[in-house]
């Protein structure tokens, strides 16, 4: 695991069918590194006022940056260098790659795992990845993602990841 200056900030934004992640110095706004990747997204007309996003908050955990873009592309970058460590693009696995109004949940970390709800309308998976390798550790397959980020809680002595899906409130025992 590399070291990094804690006086940095992360920006994830969308521009002309591309998403761009930047690591910035909070001291002077200088760009430390920048990565751009293609992320075509057709916005639902009811959401034009919201803009194309992204709507998910990037996650910094254990020397890595995790981003979940508006079109459902989940990426892991080395925080210090910006090099891509792994990427999951749900195109091909799900009928749609994002919910009706675009991906709007943020990933969460739990120890060595990072969890994101991927997929689209009526077809998705809440999925835990090994944060270092991107290997899938566990998977809940059901309806599509909702628009809320998961939280970690303990209820009745059971540690759980709780989140909203398209049609359900889920509590996954960890």
N, C-alpha and C. Protein backbone atom coordinates (compact mmCIF):
# COMPACT_ATOMS: atom_id res chain seq x y z
N UNK A 1 0.84 -1.17 0.00
CA UNK A 1 0.00 0.00 0.00
C UNK A 1 0.89 1.23 0.00
N UNK A 2 0.64 2.13 -0.95
CA UNK A 2 1.41 3.35 -1.04
C UNK A 2 0.95 4.37 -0.01
N UNK A 3 1.75 5.38 0.16
CA UNK A 3 1.35 6.46 1.04
C UNK A 3 0.81 7.60 0.19
N UNK A 4 0.06 8.45 0.80
CA UNK A 4 -0.46 9.61 0.09
C UNK A 4 -0.65 10.74 1.08
N UNK A 5 -0.64 11.93 0.58
CA UNK A 5 -0.82 13.11 1.40
C UNK A 5 -2.29 13.25 1.74
N UNK A 6 -2.61 13.37 3.02
CA UNK A 6 -4.02 13.48 3.40
C UNK A 6 -4.60 14.85 3.07
N UNK A 7 -3.78 15.78 2.60
CA UNK A 7 -4.27 17.09 2.20
C UNK A 7 -4.68 17.08 0.73
N UNK A 8 -5.34 16.01 0.32
CA UNK A 8 -5.80 15.89 -1.05
C UNK A 8 -7.30 15.69 -1.09
N UNK A 9 -7.89 16.02 -2.21
CA UNK A 9 -9.31 15.82 -2.44
C UNK A 9 -9.53 15.12 -3.75
N UNK A 10 -10.70 14.56 -3.93
CA UNK A 10 -11.03 13.81 -5.14
C UNK A 10 -12.24 14.46 -5.80
N UNK A 11 -12.18 14.55 -7.11
CA UNK A 11 -13.30 15.05 -7.88
C UNK A 11 -13.61 14.02 -8.96
N UNK A 12 -14.88 13.70 -9.13
CA UNK A 12 -15.32 12.82 -10.22
C UNK A 12 -16.37 13.59 -10.99
N UNK A 13 -16.18 13.75 -12.30
CA UNK A 13 -17.13 14.53 -13.09
C UNK A 13 -17.30 13.95 -14.48
N UNK A 14 -18.33 14.42 -15.17
CA UNK A 14 -18.74 13.89 -16.47
C UNK A 14 -18.60 14.99 -17.51
N UNK A 15 -18.05 14.63 -18.68
CA UNK A 15 -17.87 15.61 -19.75
C UNK A 15 -17.87 14.89 -21.09
N UNK A 16 -18.88 15.15 -21.91
CA UNK A 16 -18.94 14.63 -23.29
C UNK A 16 -18.71 13.13 -23.38
N UNK A 17 -19.55 12.35 -22.69
CA UNK A 17 -19.50 10.88 -22.70
C UNK A 17 -18.26 10.29 -22.06
N UNK A 18 -17.57 11.07 -21.25
CA UNK A 18 -16.41 10.58 -20.50
C UNK A 18 -16.58 10.94 -19.03
N UNK A 19 -16.07 10.07 -18.17
CA UNK A 19 -15.96 10.41 -16.76
C UNK A 19 -14.50 10.69 -16.46
N UNK A 20 -14.28 11.63 -15.57
CA UNK A 20 -12.92 12.01 -15.23
C UNK A 20 -12.78 12.03 -13.72
N UNK A 21 -11.77 11.34 -13.23
CA UNK A 21 -11.43 11.38 -11.82
C UNK A 21 -10.14 12.15 -11.65
N UNK A 22 -10.10 13.01 -10.64
CA UNK A 22 -8.92 13.81 -10.38
C UNK A 22 -8.58 13.77 -8.90
N UNK A 23 -7.31 13.71 -8.60
CA UNK A 23 -6.82 13.87 -7.25
C UNK A 23 -6.19 15.26 -7.20
N UNK A 24 -6.69 16.08 -6.27
CA UNK A 24 -6.27 17.48 -6.18
C UNK A 24 -5.59 17.78 -4.86
N UNK A 25 -4.68 18.72 -4.88
CA UNK A 25 -4.10 19.25 -3.66
C UNK A 25 -5.11 20.22 -3.05
N UNK A 26 -5.46 20.02 -1.79
CA UNK A 26 -6.38 20.94 -1.13
C UNK A 26 -5.69 22.26 -0.79
N UNK A 27 -4.39 22.24 -0.79
CA UNK A 27 -3.63 23.46 -0.47
C UNK A 27 -3.72 24.50 -1.58
N UNK A 28 -3.52 24.04 -2.84
CA UNK A 28 -3.47 25.01 -3.94
C UNK A 28 -4.34 24.62 -5.14
N UNK A 29 -5.08 23.53 -5.05
CA UNK A 29 -5.95 23.13 -6.15
C UNK A 29 -5.23 22.46 -7.31
N UNK A 30 -3.93 22.24 -7.17
CA UNK A 30 -3.14 21.62 -8.24
C UNK A 30 -3.61 20.18 -8.47
N UNK A 31 -3.71 19.80 -9.75
CA UNK A 31 -4.08 18.43 -10.11
C UNK A 31 -2.86 17.54 -9.92
N UNK A 32 -2.97 16.54 -9.05
CA UNK A 32 -1.88 15.60 -8.80
C UNK A 32 -1.90 14.52 -9.87
N UNK A 33 -3.07 13.97 -10.16
CA UNK A 33 -3.25 13.07 -11.30
C UNK A 33 -4.69 13.16 -11.77
N UNK A 34 -4.88 12.71 -13.01
CA UNK A 34 -6.19 12.76 -13.65
C UNK A 34 -6.36 11.55 -14.56
N UNK A 35 -7.51 10.91 -14.49
CA UNK A 35 -7.81 9.76 -15.34
C UNK A 35 -9.17 9.99 -16.00
N UNK A 36 -9.23 9.73 -17.29
CA UNK A 36 -10.47 9.88 -18.06
C UNK A 36 -10.76 8.55 -18.74
N UNK A 37 -12.04 8.17 -18.75
CA UNK A 37 -12.43 6.93 -19.43
C UNK A 37 -13.81 7.13 -20.05
N UNK A 38 -14.04 6.41 -21.15
CA UNK A 38 -15.33 6.50 -21.85
C UNK A 38 -16.43 5.92 -20.97
N UNK A 39 -17.54 6.67 -20.87
CA UNK A 39 -18.68 6.23 -20.07
C UNK A 39 -19.97 6.76 -20.71
N UNK A 40 -20.29 6.25 -21.90
CA UNK A 40 -21.49 6.74 -22.57
C UNK A 40 -22.74 6.54 -21.71
N UNK A 41 -23.59 7.55 -21.70
CA UNK A 41 -24.79 7.50 -20.86
C UNK A 41 -25.89 8.29 -21.53
N UNK A 42 -27.04 7.67 -21.70
CA UNK A 42 -28.22 8.34 -22.27
C UNK A 42 -29.14 8.71 -21.12
N UNK A 43 -29.25 9.99 -20.84
CA UNK A 43 -30.02 10.47 -19.71
C UNK A 43 -31.52 10.36 -19.97
N UNK A 44 -32.27 9.95 -18.96
CA UNK A 44 -33.72 9.94 -19.00
C UNK A 44 -34.19 11.39 -19.07
N UNK A 45 -35.13 11.69 -19.96
CA UNK A 45 -35.57 13.07 -20.16
C UNK A 45 -36.13 13.70 -18.88
N UNK A 46 -36.67 12.90 -17.97
CA UNK A 46 -37.20 13.44 -16.72
C UNK A 46 -36.09 13.92 -15.79
N UNK A 47 -34.85 13.56 -16.09
CA UNK A 47 -33.73 13.92 -15.20
C UNK A 47 -32.82 14.98 -15.80
N UNK A 48 -33.20 15.60 -16.92
CA UNK A 48 -32.32 16.59 -17.55
C UNK A 48 -31.87 17.69 -16.59
N UNK A 49 -32.75 18.12 -15.71
CA UNK A 49 -32.39 19.20 -14.78
C UNK A 49 -31.30 18.80 -13.80
N UNK A 50 -31.13 17.51 -13.59
CA UNK A 50 -30.12 17.02 -12.64
C UNK A 50 -28.72 17.02 -13.25
N UNK A 51 -28.63 16.99 -14.56
CA UNK A 51 -27.34 16.87 -15.22
C UNK A 51 -26.92 15.41 -15.32
N UNK A 52 -25.86 15.17 -16.08
CA UNK A 52 -25.42 13.79 -16.35
C UNK A 52 -24.64 13.17 -15.20
N UNK A 53 -24.36 13.89 -14.18
CA UNK A 53 -23.69 13.27 -13.04
C UNK A 53 -22.19 13.40 -13.12
N UNK A 54 -21.46 12.54 -12.46
CA UNK A 54 -21.86 11.42 -11.63
C UNK A 54 -22.55 11.87 -10.34
N UNK A 55 -23.29 10.94 -9.75
CA UNK A 55 -24.06 11.23 -8.55
C UNK A 55 -23.55 10.46 -7.33
N UNK A 56 -22.56 9.62 -7.51
CA UNK A 56 -22.01 8.80 -6.42
C UNK A 56 -20.76 9.45 -5.85
N UNK A 57 -20.61 9.38 -4.55
CA UNK A 57 -19.43 9.92 -3.89
C UNK A 57 -18.27 8.93 -4.02
N UNK A 58 -17.10 9.38 -4.48
CA UNK A 58 -15.94 8.49 -4.53
C UNK A 58 -15.56 8.03 -3.11
N UNK A 59 -14.96 6.86 -3.03
CA UNK A 59 -14.56 6.27 -1.76
C UNK A 59 -13.04 6.13 -1.73
N UNK A 60 -12.40 6.63 -0.68
CA UNK A 60 -10.97 6.42 -0.45
C UNK A 60 -10.85 5.43 0.69
N UNK A 61 -10.13 4.32 0.44
CA UNK A 61 -10.00 3.26 1.44
C UNK A 61 -8.71 2.49 1.19
N UNK A 62 -7.90 2.38 2.22
CA UNK A 62 -6.68 1.58 2.19
C UNK A 62 -5.77 1.90 0.99
N UNK A 63 -5.57 3.19 0.74
CA UNK A 63 -4.66 3.61 -0.32
C UNK A 63 -5.21 3.48 -1.72
N UNK A 64 -6.54 3.32 -1.83
CA UNK A 64 -7.16 3.20 -3.15
C UNK A 64 -8.34 4.16 -3.25
N UNK A 65 -8.66 4.51 -4.48
CA UNK A 65 -9.82 5.34 -4.77
C UNK A 65 -10.80 4.50 -5.57
N UNK A 66 -12.06 4.42 -5.12
CA UNK A 66 -13.11 3.68 -5.79
C UNK A 66 -14.14 4.67 -6.31
N UNK A 67 -14.48 4.55 -7.59
CA UNK A 67 -15.49 5.42 -8.18
C UNK A 67 -16.59 4.58 -8.81
N UNK A 68 -17.82 5.05 -8.70
CA UNK A 68 -18.97 4.41 -9.32
C UNK A 68 -19.65 5.47 -10.16
N UNK A 69 -19.50 5.38 -11.46
CA UNK A 69 -19.97 6.41 -12.36
C UNK A 69 -21.46 6.33 -12.67
N UNK A 70 -21.95 7.35 -13.34
CA UNK A 70 -23.38 7.48 -13.66
C UNK A 70 -23.89 6.30 -14.47
N UNK A 71 -23.06 5.70 -15.30
CA UNK A 71 -23.49 4.58 -16.14
C UNK A 71 -23.16 3.22 -15.51
N UNK A 72 -22.76 3.21 -14.23
CA UNK A 72 -22.54 1.97 -13.51
C UNK A 72 -21.15 1.37 -13.65
N UNK A 73 -20.17 2.12 -14.14
CA UNK A 73 -18.80 1.62 -14.23
C UNK A 73 -18.14 1.80 -12.87
N UNK A 74 -17.69 0.69 -12.28
CA UNK A 74 -17.08 0.68 -10.95
C UNK A 74 -15.58 0.49 -11.12
N UNK A 75 -14.79 1.47 -10.66
CA UNK A 75 -13.35 1.46 -10.89
C UNK A 75 -12.57 1.58 -9.58
N UNK A 76 -11.38 1.00 -9.58
CA UNK A 76 -10.45 1.09 -8.46
C UNK A 76 -9.12 1.63 -8.98
N UNK A 77 -8.66 2.73 -8.38
CA UNK A 77 -7.40 3.35 -8.76
C UNK A 77 -6.45 3.35 -7.55
N UNK A 78 -5.15 3.22 -7.81
CA UNK A 78 -4.17 3.44 -6.77
C UNK A 78 -4.21 4.93 -6.44
N UNK A 79 -4.39 5.28 -5.18
CA UNK A 79 -4.56 6.68 -4.80
C UNK A 79 -3.31 7.51 -5.07
N UNK A 80 -2.15 6.94 -4.83
CA UNK A 80 -0.91 7.69 -4.98
C UNK A 80 -0.58 7.96 -6.46
N UNK A 81 -0.68 6.94 -7.30
CA UNK A 81 -0.24 7.07 -8.70
C UNK A 81 -1.36 7.33 -9.69
N UNK A 82 -2.60 6.96 -9.31
CA UNK A 82 -3.72 7.08 -10.24
C UNK A 82 -3.84 5.91 -11.20
N UNK A 83 -2.98 4.91 -11.06
CA UNK A 83 -3.04 3.78 -12.00
C UNK A 83 -4.30 2.94 -11.72
N UNK A 84 -4.94 2.50 -12.79
CA UNK A 84 -6.13 1.67 -12.68
C UNK A 84 -5.73 0.31 -12.13
N UNK A 85 -6.38 -0.12 -11.04
CA UNK A 85 -6.11 -1.42 -10.43
C UNK A 85 -7.06 -2.47 -10.98
N UNK A 86 -8.34 -2.12 -11.10
CA UNK A 86 -9.34 -3.00 -11.69
C UNK A 86 -10.58 -2.19 -12.01
N UNK A 87 -11.43 -2.76 -12.86
CA UNK A 87 -12.67 -2.08 -13.26
C UNK A 87 -13.74 -3.13 -13.52
N UNK A 88 -14.97 -2.83 -13.11
CA UNK A 88 -16.12 -3.66 -13.44
C UNK A 88 -17.11 -2.80 -14.23
N UNK A 89 -17.38 -3.23 -15.45
CA UNK A 89 -18.38 -2.58 -16.30
C UNK A 89 -19.50 -3.60 -16.50
N UNK A 90 -20.69 -3.28 -16.01
CA UNK A 90 -21.79 -4.26 -16.02
C UNK A 90 -22.43 -4.45 -17.38
N UNK A 91 -21.92 -3.76 -18.40
CA UNK A 91 -22.44 -3.96 -19.75
C UNK A 91 -22.25 -5.43 -20.14
N UNK A 92 -23.30 -6.08 -20.56
CA UNK A 92 -23.22 -7.49 -20.94
C UNK A 92 -23.74 -8.42 -19.86
N UNK A 93 -23.60 -8.03 -18.59
CA UNK A 93 -24.12 -8.87 -17.51
C UNK A 93 -25.58 -8.56 -17.20
N UNK A 94 -25.93 -7.29 -17.24
CA UNK A 94 -27.28 -6.85 -16.94
C UNK A 94 -27.92 -6.26 -18.19
N UNK A 95 -29.26 -6.29 -18.25
CA UNK A 95 -29.96 -5.70 -19.39
C UNK A 95 -29.65 -4.21 -19.52
N UNK A 96 -29.55 -3.53 -18.38
CA UNK A 96 -29.20 -2.11 -18.35
C UNK A 96 -28.07 -1.94 -17.35
N UNK A 97 -27.25 -0.91 -17.56
CA UNK A 97 -26.09 -0.73 -16.69
C UNK A 97 -26.34 0.25 -15.54
N UNK A 98 -27.50 0.91 -15.53
CA UNK A 98 -27.82 1.83 -14.45
C UNK A 98 -29.33 1.92 -14.29
N UNK A 99 -29.80 2.37 -13.11
CA UNK A 99 -31.22 2.54 -12.91
C UNK A 99 -31.79 3.64 -13.82
N UNK A 100 -33.08 3.81 -13.77
CA UNK A 100 -33.80 4.72 -14.66
C UNK A 100 -33.19 6.12 -14.71
N UNK A 101 -32.74 6.66 -13.57
CA UNK A 101 -32.19 8.02 -13.53
C UNK A 101 -30.68 8.05 -13.31
N UNK A 102 -30.02 6.95 -13.59
CA UNK A 102 -28.57 6.87 -13.45
C UNK A 102 -28.16 6.35 -12.09
N UNK A 103 -26.94 5.85 -12.02
CA UNK A 103 -26.40 5.32 -10.77
C UNK A 103 -26.25 6.46 -9.76
N UNK A 104 -26.79 6.25 -8.56
CA UNK A 104 -26.76 7.32 -7.56
C UNK A 104 -26.50 6.77 -6.16
N UNK A 105 -25.92 5.60 -6.04
CA UNK A 105 -25.52 5.10 -4.73
C UNK A 105 -24.00 5.13 -4.67
N UNK A 106 -23.48 5.32 -3.48
CA UNK A 106 -22.03 5.36 -3.31
C UNK A 106 -21.54 4.03 -2.75
N UNK A 107 -20.36 3.59 -3.19
CA UNK A 107 -19.82 2.33 -2.65
C UNK A 107 -19.43 2.52 -1.18
N UNK A 108 -19.33 1.40 -0.47
CA UNK A 108 -18.95 1.41 0.93
C UNK A 108 -17.87 0.35 1.15
N UNK A 109 -16.99 0.61 2.12
CA UNK A 109 -15.92 -0.34 2.45
C UNK A 109 -16.26 -1.05 3.76
N UNK A 110 -15.86 -2.32 3.82
CA UNK A 110 -16.00 -3.12 5.03
C UNK A 110 -14.76 -3.99 5.12
N UNK A 111 -13.77 -3.54 5.88
CA UNK A 111 -12.51 -4.27 5.95
C UNK A 111 -11.84 -4.28 4.59
N UNK A 112 -11.56 -5.46 4.07
CA UNK A 112 -10.90 -5.58 2.77
C UNK A 112 -11.88 -5.55 1.60
N UNK A 113 -13.18 -5.44 1.90
CA UNK A 113 -14.21 -5.48 0.86
C UNK A 113 -14.70 -4.08 0.49
N UNK A 114 -15.11 -3.92 -0.76
CA UNK A 114 -15.87 -2.75 -1.19
C UNK A 114 -17.15 -3.27 -1.81
N UNK A 115 -18.26 -2.60 -1.50
CA UNK A 115 -19.58 -3.07 -1.90
C UNK A 115 -20.27 -2.00 -2.73
N UNK A 116 -20.90 -2.41 -3.83
CA UNK A 116 -21.67 -1.51 -4.68
C UNK A 116 -22.88 -2.27 -5.21
N UNK A 117 -23.96 -1.54 -5.46
CA UNK A 117 -25.15 -2.13 -6.09
C UNK A 117 -25.09 -1.76 -7.56
N UNK A 118 -25.01 -2.77 -8.41
CA UNK A 118 -24.77 -2.59 -9.84
C UNK A 118 -25.97 -3.08 -10.63
N UNK A 119 -26.03 -2.68 -11.89
CA UNK A 119 -27.11 -3.12 -12.76
C UNK A 119 -28.10 -2.01 -13.02
N UNK A 120 -29.28 -2.40 -13.53
CA UNK A 120 -30.28 -1.41 -13.92
C UNK A 120 -31.67 -1.79 -13.49
N UNK A 121 -32.63 -1.18 -14.12
CA UNK A 121 -34.04 -1.38 -13.81
C UNK A 121 -34.40 -2.86 -13.84
N UNK A 122 -34.94 -3.36 -12.73
CA UNK A 122 -35.43 -4.74 -12.57
C UNK A 122 -34.35 -5.83 -12.58
N UNK A 123 -33.08 -5.48 -12.71
CA UNK A 123 -32.03 -6.49 -12.82
C UNK A 123 -30.73 -5.93 -12.27
N UNK A 124 -30.31 -6.42 -11.11
CA UNK A 124 -29.08 -5.91 -10.53
C UNK A 124 -28.50 -6.86 -9.51
N UNK A 125 -27.39 -6.44 -8.93
CA UNK A 125 -26.71 -7.25 -7.92
C UNK A 125 -26.02 -6.33 -6.93
N UNK A 126 -26.27 -6.57 -5.65
CA UNK A 126 -25.49 -5.95 -4.59
C UNK A 126 -24.27 -6.85 -4.45
N UNK A 127 -23.09 -6.29 -4.66
CA UNK A 127 -21.91 -7.13 -4.84
C UNK A 127 -20.75 -6.62 -3.99
N UNK A 128 -20.09 -7.56 -3.30
CA UNK A 128 -18.88 -7.25 -2.53
C UNK A 128 -17.67 -7.74 -3.33
N UNK A 129 -16.74 -6.82 -3.53
CA UNK A 129 -15.50 -7.12 -4.24
C UNK A 129 -14.33 -7.10 -3.26
N UNK A 130 -13.33 -7.94 -3.51
CA UNK A 130 -12.06 -7.80 -2.82
C UNK A 130 -11.50 -6.45 -3.28
N UNK A 131 -11.27 -5.53 -2.35
CA UNK A 131 -10.85 -4.19 -2.72
C UNK A 131 -9.53 -4.13 -3.46
N UNK A 132 -8.67 -5.10 -3.24
CA UNK A 132 -7.36 -5.11 -3.88
C UNK A 132 -7.40 -5.70 -5.29
N UNK A 133 -8.14 -6.80 -5.47
CA UNK A 133 -8.08 -7.54 -6.74
C UNK A 133 -9.31 -7.37 -7.63
N UNK A 134 -10.44 -6.95 -7.04
CA UNK A 134 -11.68 -6.85 -7.80
C UNK A 134 -12.43 -8.17 -7.91
N UNK A 135 -11.92 -9.21 -7.28
CA UNK A 135 -12.60 -10.51 -7.29
C UNK A 135 -13.90 -10.42 -6.50
N UNK A 136 -14.98 -11.01 -7.03
CA UNK A 136 -16.27 -11.00 -6.35
C UNK A 136 -16.22 -11.96 -5.17
N UNK A 137 -16.58 -11.46 -3.97
CA UNK A 137 -16.57 -12.26 -2.74
C UNK A 137 -17.97 -12.75 -2.42
N UNK A 138 -18.95 -11.89 -2.49
CA UNK A 138 -20.34 -12.31 -2.35
C UNK A 138 -21.23 -11.44 -3.23
N UNK A 139 -22.43 -11.96 -3.46
CA UNK A 139 -23.31 -11.37 -4.45
C UNK A 139 -24.77 -11.62 -4.05
N UNK A 140 -25.58 -10.57 -3.98
CA UNK A 140 -27.04 -10.72 -3.82
C UNK A 140 -27.66 -10.28 -5.12
N UNK A 141 -28.29 -11.22 -5.80
CA UNK A 141 -28.89 -10.94 -7.11
C UNK A 141 -30.38 -10.77 -6.93
N UNK A 142 -30.94 -9.68 -7.42
CA UNK A 142 -32.36 -9.43 -7.28
C UNK A 142 -32.80 -8.30 -8.18
N UNK A 143 -33.63 -7.44 -7.63
CA UNK A 143 -34.09 -6.31 -8.43
C UNK A 143 -32.95 -5.30 -8.62
N UNK A 144 -33.23 -4.22 -9.30
CA UNK A 144 -32.20 -3.24 -9.60
C UNK A 144 -31.82 -2.38 -8.41
N UNK A 145 -30.75 -1.59 -8.56
CA UNK A 145 -30.33 -0.71 -7.49
C UNK A 145 -31.33 0.42 -7.25
N UNK A 146 -31.34 0.90 -6.01
CA UNK A 146 -32.11 2.09 -5.67
C UNK A 146 -31.20 3.30 -5.75
N UNK A 147 -31.58 4.34 -5.05
CA UNK A 147 -30.82 5.59 -5.10
C UNK A 147 -30.26 5.97 -3.74
N UNK A 148 -30.08 4.99 -2.87
CA UNK A 148 -29.54 5.24 -1.54
C UNK A 148 -28.25 4.44 -1.35
N UNK A 149 -27.33 5.02 -0.61
CA UNK A 149 -26.06 4.35 -0.33
C UNK A 149 -26.21 3.42 0.87
N UNK A 150 -25.49 2.29 0.85
CA UNK A 150 -25.58 1.34 1.98
C UNK A 150 -24.92 1.89 3.23
N UNK A 151 -25.35 1.35 4.37
CA UNK A 151 -24.75 1.66 5.67
C UNK A 151 -24.46 0.35 6.39
N UNK A 152 -23.51 0.38 7.30
CA UNK A 152 -23.18 -0.78 8.14
C UNK A 152 -23.80 -0.55 9.51
N UNK A 153 -24.56 -1.53 10.00
CA UNK A 153 -25.23 -1.42 11.30
C UNK A 153 -25.15 -2.76 12.03
N UNK A 154 -25.44 -2.71 13.32
CA UNK A 154 -25.61 -3.94 14.08
C UNK A 154 -27.02 -3.92 14.65
N UNK A 155 -27.83 -4.91 14.28
CA UNK A 155 -29.21 -5.02 14.72
C UNK A 155 -29.40 -6.39 15.36
N UNK A 156 -29.91 -6.40 16.58
CA UNK A 156 -30.14 -7.67 17.29
C UNK A 156 -28.88 -8.54 17.27
N UNK A 157 -27.73 -7.92 17.52
CA UNK A 157 -26.43 -8.60 17.57
C UNK A 157 -25.99 -9.19 16.23
N UNK A 158 -26.57 -8.73 15.14
CA UNK A 158 -26.18 -9.19 13.81
C UNK A 158 -25.64 -7.99 13.04
N UNK A 159 -24.37 -8.08 12.67
CA UNK A 159 -23.75 -7.02 11.85
C UNK A 159 -24.29 -7.15 10.43
N UNK A 160 -24.79 -6.02 9.89
CA UNK A 160 -25.46 -6.06 8.58
C UNK A 160 -25.07 -4.87 7.71
N UNK A 161 -25.18 -5.09 6.43
CA UNK A 161 -25.14 -4.02 5.45
C UNK A 161 -26.60 -3.78 5.08
N UNK A 162 -27.06 -2.55 5.25
CA UNK A 162 -28.45 -2.22 4.97
C UNK A 162 -28.49 -1.21 3.84
N UNK A 163 -29.38 -1.45 2.87
CA UNK A 163 -29.51 -0.54 1.74
C UNK A 163 -30.89 -0.67 1.11
N UNK A 164 -31.16 0.23 0.22
CA UNK A 164 -32.40 0.22 -0.55
C UNK A 164 -32.10 -0.31 -1.94
N UNK A 165 -32.92 -1.22 -2.41
CA UNK A 165 -32.85 -1.63 -3.81
C UNK A 165 -34.02 -0.95 -4.52
N UNK A 166 -34.26 -1.32 -5.73
CA UNK A 166 -35.36 -0.73 -6.49
C UNK A 166 -36.70 -0.92 -5.78
N UNK A 167 -36.95 -2.13 -5.25
CA UNK A 167 -38.23 -2.45 -4.65
C UNK A 167 -38.17 -2.89 -3.19
N UNK A 168 -36.99 -2.97 -2.60
CA UNK A 168 -36.87 -3.57 -1.27
C UNK A 168 -35.91 -2.78 -0.39
N UNK A 169 -36.02 -3.01 0.90
CA UNK A 169 -34.99 -2.61 1.85
C UNK A 169 -34.28 -3.91 2.23
N UNK A 170 -32.96 -3.92 2.06
CA UNK A 170 -32.18 -5.14 2.28
C UNK A 170 -31.33 -5.02 3.53
N UNK A 171 -31.23 -6.11 4.27
CA UNK A 171 -30.29 -6.26 5.36
C UNK A 171 -29.52 -7.54 5.11
N UNK A 172 -28.25 -7.40 4.76
CA UNK A 172 -27.40 -8.55 4.45
C UNK A 172 -26.48 -8.80 5.65
N UNK A 173 -26.63 -9.97 6.28
CA UNK A 173 -25.78 -10.31 7.44
C UNK A 173 -24.35 -10.48 6.97
N UNK A 174 -23.43 -9.90 7.72
CA UNK A 174 -22.01 -9.97 7.36
C UNK A 174 -21.25 -10.91 8.27
